[in-house]
């Protein structure tokens, strides 16, 4: 499956972490179990400290499938998605 890096940003006044209904829902989306049920695999996520900026490394059958799965993040701000490769794959190919 292709690998993607998703990037989500939102303004501080719309931070979903502060919303008692939205925060648990978004955490559920980032759970390995939920992703697996959707045919995806989450390799990791990270939030830039104090910046309202989330990165998700995720595998999926297509960009549209990943974008649809992560769509709730887009409701709180932006959602950008780029196809990516692991460093191991880049070295194996001999090129980025």
Protein backbone atom coordinates (compact mmCIF):
# COMPACT_ATOMS: atom_id res chain seq x y z
CA UNK A 1 0.00 0.00 0.00
CA UNK A 2 1.20 3.53 -0.66
CA UNK A 3 2.53 5.58 2.25
CA UNK A 4 1.27 9.09 2.94
CA UNK A 5 2.13 11.94 5.26
CA UNK A 6 -0.92 13.91 6.35
CA UNK A 7 -0.52 17.40 7.74
CA UNK A 8 -3.32 19.09 9.67
CA UNK A 9 -3.31 22.64 11.03
CA UNK A 10 -5.97 24.57 12.87
CA UNK A 11 -6.21 27.95 14.58
CA UNK A 12 -5.74 27.98 18.33
CA UNK A 13 -9.31 29.18 18.91
CA UNK A 14 -10.63 26.06 17.07
CA UNK A 15 -8.35 23.50 18.72
CA UNK A 16 -10.20 20.17 18.76
CA UNK A 17 -8.20 19.03 21.80
CA UNK A 18 -10.19 21.53 23.87
CA UNK A 19 -13.54 20.20 22.63
CA UNK A 20 -14.81 17.45 24.99
CA UNK A 21 -16.82 15.81 22.18
CA UNK A 22 -14.41 16.20 19.27
CA UNK A 23 -11.16 15.26 21.05
CA UNK A 24 -12.08 11.61 21.84
CA UNK A 25 -13.54 11.21 18.33
CA UNK A 26 -10.30 12.38 16.71
CA UNK A 27 -8.23 10.11 18.97
CA UNK A 28 -10.39 7.21 17.86
CA UNK A 29 -9.58 8.02 14.23
CA UNK A 30 -5.87 7.86 15.07
CA UNK A 31 -6.20 4.48 16.78
CA UNK A 32 -4.59 1.52 15.07
CA UNK A 33 -7.76 -0.55 15.51
CA UNK A 34 -10.00 1.99 13.74
CA UNK A 35 -7.51 2.45 10.94
CA UNK A 36 -7.20 -1.31 10.46
CA UNK A 37 -10.98 -1.65 10.20
CA UNK A 38 -10.88 0.96 7.41
CA UNK A 39 -8.12 -0.93 5.58
CA UNK A 40 -5.41 1.55 6.61
CA UNK A 41 -2.31 1.42 8.80
CA UNK A 42 -1.15 4.32 10.95
CA UNK A 43 2.61 4.33 11.50
CA UNK A 44 2.72 7.33 13.79
CA UNK A 45 1.43 10.76 14.66
CA UNK A 46 2.95 13.82 16.23
CA UNK A 47 1.79 17.30 17.17
CA UNK A 48 4.25 20.16 17.03
CA UNK A 49 4.35 21.37 20.63
CA UNK A 50 2.22 24.48 21.10
CA UNK A 51 1.68 24.94 17.36
CA UNK A 52 -1.69 23.26 16.55
CA UNK A 53 0.05 21.30 13.81
CA UNK A 54 -0.45 17.51 13.46
CA UNK A 55 1.46 15.05 11.28
CA UNK A 56 0.21 11.51 10.59
CA UNK A 57 2.15 8.81 8.74
CA UNK A 58 -0.41 6.45 7.25
CA UNK A 59 -0.65 3.69 4.66
CA UNK A 60 -3.71 3.22 2.53
CA UNK A 61 -4.89 1.79 -0.77
CA UNK A 62 -5.32 5.25 -2.32
CA UNK A 63 -5.03 8.93 -1.59
CA UNK A 64 -8.81 9.26 -1.72
CA UNK A 65 -9.28 6.51 0.90
CA UNK A 66 -6.81 8.18 3.27
CA UNK A 67 -8.27 11.63 2.65
CA UNK A 68 -11.79 10.35 3.35
CA UNK A 69 -10.67 8.63 6.56
CA UNK A 70 -8.92 11.75 7.87
CA UNK A 71 -11.65 14.16 6.67
CA UNK A 72 -12.84 15.01 10.22
CA UNK A 73 -9.50 16.75 10.81
CA UNK A 74 -10.26 18.97 7.83
CA UNK A 75 -13.40 20.18 9.59
CA UNK A 76 -11.27 21.89 12.23
CA UNK A 77 -8.71 23.35 9.82
CA UNK A 78 -6.59 22.31 6.86
CA UNK A 79 -5.70 18.79 5.77
CA UNK A 80 -2.86 18.25 3.30
CA UNK A 81 -1.72 14.86 2.08
CA UNK A 82 1.44 13.87 0.20
CA UNK A 83 2.55 10.47 -1.03
CA UNK A 84 5.82 9.48 0.62
CA UNK A 85 8.38 6.69 0.96
CA UNK A 86 10.29 5.29 3.88
CA UNK A 87 14.03 5.96 3.95
CA UNK A 88 14.56 2.22 3.51
CA UNK A 89 12.56 2.24 0.25
CA UNK A 90 14.46 5.28 -1.01
CA UNK A 91 17.81 3.60 -0.36
CA UNK A 92 16.61 0.37 -1.95
CA UNK A 93 15.57 2.31 -5.09
CA UNK A 94 18.73 4.38 -5.01
CA UNK A 95 16.81 7.63 -5.43
CA UNK A 96 14.26 9.82 -3.70
